[in-house]
Amino acid sequence: MAAGITAPFTTPDARYIIARGRLWRRSNPSLAPHVRQALVDELMSARRAMQVALRNDDEASLRQARARVDAAKVELGERGPVWWTDGTPDLNRHMARNTGYAEWYAKVEKGQ
């Protein structure tokens, strides 16, 4: 990683990363590496297409690029139905301090 950039914390169950105190669902770990890489490549391509559409003020292209981003994130397991099967609810985008991870996260913040 670049200087000054640290890897985000991962929850103990490896379902989320935490960025600025917020939970973000991780990619499905059961994806085959080549499938995951193809989806990440598509996601990055779609994000670049969004940048181009925004620079060109092209609403139609922007809608298409956003749909591609969403589709890639759903396929990666970061959006849409959860990839785990134990019935635990999805806490994506919740503040860690307001979830069942609160006690663990408080310790992480304190460096314990």
C-alpha atoms as a PDB file:
ATOM      1  CA  MET A   1       0.000   0.000   0.000  1.00  0.00           C
ATOM      2  CA  ALA A   2       1.057   3.591  -0.511  1.00  0.00           C
ATOM      3  CA  ALA A   3       2.649   5.451   2.373  1.00  0.00           C
ATOM      4  CA  GLY A   4       0.069   6.701   4.842  1.00  0.00           C
ATOM      5  CA  ILE A   5      -2.630   4.330   3.629  1.00  0.00           C
ATOM      6  CA  THR A   6      -3.594   1.492   5.924  1.00  0.00           C
ATOM      7  CA  ALA A   7      -5.673  -1.551   5.124  1.00  0.00           C
ATOM      8  CA  PRO A   8      -9.209  -1.352   6.516  1.00  0.00           C
ATOM      9  CA  PHE A   9     -10.141  -3.485   9.488  1.00  0.00           C
ATOM     10  CA  THR A  10     -12.061  -6.663   8.765  1.00  0.00           C
ATOM     11  CA  THR A  11     -14.734  -7.842  11.177  1.00  0.00           C
ATOM     12  CA  PRO A  12     -13.954 -11.081  13.047  1.00  0.00           C
ATOM     13  CA  ASP A  13     -16.407 -13.013  10.845  1.00  0.00           C
ATOM     14  CA  ALA A  14     -14.775 -11.547   7.681  1.00  0.00           C
ATOM     15  CA  ARG A  15     -18.105 -10.295   6.333  1.00  0.00           C
ATOM     16  CA  TYR A  16     -17.294  -6.585   6.403  1.00  0.00           C
ATOM     17  CA  ILE A  17     -14.480  -4.122   6.207  1.00  0.00           C
ATOM     18  CA  ILE A  18     -14.712  -0.987   8.291  1.00  0.00           C
ATOM     19  CA  ALA A  19     -13.942   2.384   6.769  1.00  0.00           C
ATOM     20  CA  ARG A  20     -14.395   5.510   8.878  1.00  0.00           C
ATOM     21  CA  GLY A  21     -16.447   3.501  11.363  1.00  0.00           C
ATOM     22  CA  ARG A  22     -18.878   2.173   8.783  1.00  0.00           C
ATOM     23  CA  LEU A  23     -19.399  -1.469   7.791  1.00  0.00           C
ATOM     24  CA  TRP A  24     -19.024  -2.307   4.104  1.00  0.00           C
ATOM     25  CA  ARG A  25     -19.831  -5.798   2.886  1.00  0.00           C
ATOM     26  CA  ARG A  26     -16.850  -7.720   1.527  1.00  0.00           C
ATOM     27  CA  SER A  27     -16.819  -9.710  -1.666  1.00  0.00           C
ATOM     28  CA  ASN A  28     -17.972 -13.305  -1.491  1.00  0.00           C
ATOM     29  CA  PRO A  29     -14.901 -15.306  -0.450  1.00  0.00           C
ATOM     30  CA  SER A  30     -16.157 -18.420  -2.234  1.00  0.00           C
ATOM     31  CA  LEU A  31     -15.751 -16.829  -5.678  1.00  0.00           C
ATOM     32  CA  ALA A  32     -13.073 -18.508  -7.738  1.00  0.00           C
ATOM     33  CA  PRO A  33     -10.033 -16.206  -8.053  1.00  0.00           C
ATOM     34  CA  HIS A  34     -10.390 -15.868 -11.850  1.00  0.00           C
ATOM     35  CA  VAL A  35     -14.114 -15.034 -11.511  1.00  0.00           C
ATOM     36  CA  ARG A  36     -13.434 -12.486  -8.803  1.00  0.00           C
ATOM     37  CA  GLN A  37     -10.682 -10.871 -10.891  1.00  0.00           C
ATOM     38  CA  ALA A  38     -12.927 -10.659 -13.960  1.00  0.00           C
ATOM     39  CA  LEU A  39     -15.628  -8.973 -11.866  1.00  0.00           C
ATOM     40  CA  VAL A  40     -13.148  -6.536 -10.309  1.00  0.00           C
ATOM     41  CA  ASP A  41     -11.837  -5.723 -13.798  1.00  0.00           C
ATOM     42  CA  GLU A  42     -15.421  -5.027 -14.950  1.00  0.00           C
ATOM     43  CA  LEU A  43     -16.080  -2.900 -11.869  1.00  0.00           C
ATOM     44  CA  MET A  44     -12.991  -0.783 -12.513  1.00  0.00           C
ATOM     45  CA  SER A  45     -13.895  -0.430 -16.196  1.00  0.00           C
ATOM     46  CA  ALA A  46     -17.410   0.682 -15.265  1.00  0.00           C
ATOM     47  CA  ARG A  47     -16.044   3.216 -12.787  1.00  0.00           C
ATOM     48  CA  ARG A  48     -13.771   4.634 -15.471  1.00  0.00           C
ATOM     49  CA  ALA A  49     -16.789   4.847 -17.798  1.00  0.00           C
ATOM     50  CA  MET A  50     -18.620   6.797 -15.087  1.00  0.00           C
ATOM     51  CA  GLN A  51     -15.762   9.297 -14.903  1.00  0.00           C
ATOM     52  CA  VAL A  52     -15.822   9.790 -18.662  1.00  0.00           C
ATOM     53  CA  ALA A  53     -19.598  10.214 -18.680  1.00  0.00           C
ATOM     54  CA  LEU A  54     -19.414  12.754 -15.865  1.00  0.00           C
ATOM     55  CA  ARG A  55     -16.679  14.729 -17.647  1.00  0.00           C
ATOM     56  CA  ASN A  56     -18.748  14.708 -20.829  1.00  0.00           C
ATOM     57  CA  ASP A  57     -22.014  15.484 -19.023  1.00  0.00           C
ATOM     58  CA  ASP A  58     -23.522  12.413 -20.746  1.00  0.00           C
ATOM     59  CA  GLU A  59     -26.529  11.289 -18.677  1.00  0.00           C
ATOM     60  CA  ALA A  60     -27.320   8.216 -20.796  1.00  0.00           C
ATOM     61  CA  SER A  61     -23.766   6.905 -20.572  1.00  0.00           C
ATOM     62  CA  LEU A  62     -23.670   7.701 -16.871  1.00  0.00           C
ATOM     63  CA  ARG A  63     -26.826   5.633 -16.251  1.00  0.00           C
ATOM     64  CA  GLN A  64     -25.319   2.721 -18.196  1.00  0.00           C
ATOM     65  CA  ALA A  65     -22.017   2.940 -16.309  1.00  0.00           C
ATOM     66  CA  ARG A  66     -23.779   3.084 -12.944  1.00  0.00           C
ATOM     67  CA  ALA A  67     -25.819   0.029 -13.886  1.00  0.00           C
ATOM     68  CA  ARG A  68     -22.573  -1.791 -14.759  1.00  0.00           C
ATOM     69  CA  VAL A  69     -21.051  -0.825 -11.399  1.00  0.00           C
ATOM     70  CA  ASP A  70     -24.131  -2.076  -9.578  1.00  0.00           C
ATOM     71  CA  ALA A  71     -24.209  -5.350 -11.538  1.00  0.00           C
ATOM     72  CA  ALA A  72     -20.533  -6.040 -10.805  1.00  0.00           C
ATOM     73  CA  LYS A  73     -21.004  -5.299  -7.103  1.00  0.00           C
ATOM     74  CA  VAL A  74     -24.020  -7.629  -6.944  1.00  0.00           C
ATOM     75  CA  GLU A  75     -22.037 -10.390  -8.655  1.00  0.00           C
ATOM     76  CA  LEU A  76     -19.138  -9.817  -6.251  1.00  0.00           C
ATOM     77  CA  GLY A  77     -21.556 -10.148  -3.333  1.00  0.00           C
ATOM     78  CA  GLU A  78     -21.042  -6.594  -2.093  1.00  0.00           C
ATOM     79  CA  ARG A  79     -24.663  -5.686  -2.862  1.00  0.00           C
ATOM     80  CA  GLY A  80     -27.867  -7.640  -3.306  1.00  0.00           C
ATOM     81  CA  PRO A  81     -28.517 -10.867  -1.419  1.00  0.00           C
ATOM     82  CA  VAL A  82     -25.955 -11.717   1.241  1.00  0.00           C
ATOM     83  CA  TRP A  83     -23.467 -14.476   0.476  1.00  0.00           C
ATOM     84  CA  TRP A  84     -23.583 -16.080   3.915  1.00  0.00           C
ATOM     85  CA  THR A  85     -26.222 -18.650   4.765  1.00  0.00           C
ATOM     86  CA  ASP A  86     -26.693 -18.504   8.545  1.00  0.00           C
ATOM     87  CA  GLY A  87     -29.553 -15.987   8.472  1.00  0.00           C
ATOM     88  CA  THR A  88     -27.547 -13.129   9.978  1.00  0.00           C
ATOM     89  CA  PRO A  89     -28.979  -9.825   8.692  1.00  0.00           C
ATOM     90  CA  ASP A  90     -27.031  -7.569   6.392  1.00  0.00           C
ATOM     91  CA  LEU A  91     -25.517  -4.582   8.200  1.00  0.00           C
ATOM     92  CA  ASN A  92     -23.934  -3.022   5.127  1.00  0.00           C
ATOM     93  CA  ARG A  93     -23.406   0.726   5.568  1.00  0.00           C
ATOM     94  CA  HIS A  94     -24.304   0.661   9.276  1.00  0.00           C
ATOM     95  CA  MET A  95     -22.010   2.358  11.753  1.00  0.00           C
ATOM     96  CA  ALA A  96     -20.064  -0.374  13.552  1.00  0.00           C
ATOM     97  CA  ARG A  97     -20.751   1.237  16.928  1.00  0.00           C
ATOM     98  CA  ASN A  98     -24.502   0.697  16.386  1.00  0.00           C
ATOM     99  CA  THR A  99     -24.289  -3.029  15.642  1.00  0.00           C
ATOM    100  CA  GLY A 100     -23.369  -6.297  17.283  1.00  0.00           C
ATOM    101  CA  TYR A 101     -19.764  -5.445  16.379  1.00  0.00           C
ATOM    102  CA  ALA A 102     -19.784  -2.426  18.738  1.00  0.00           C
ATOM    103  CA  GLU A 103     -17.833  -3.983  21.611  1.00  0.00           C
ATOM    104  CA  TRP A 104     -15.237  -5.490  19.291  1.00  0.00           C
ATOM    105  CA  TYR A 105     -14.925  -2.237  17.322  1.00  0.00           C
ATOM    106  CA  ALA A 106     -14.481  -0.161  20.496  1.00  0.00           C
ATOM    107  CA  LYS A 107     -11.497  -2.347  21.372  1.00  0.00           C
ATOM    108  CA  VAL A 108     -10.086  -2.018  17.842  1.00  0.00           C
ATOM    109  CA  GLU A 109     -10.373   1.771  18.024  1.00  0.00           C
ATOM    110  CA  LYS A 110      -8.503   1.755  21.341  1.00  0.00           C
ATOM    111  CA  GLY A 111      -5.790  -0.421  19.848  1.00  0.00           C
ATOM    112  CA  GLN A 112      -6.454  -3.427  22.040  1.00  0.00           C
END
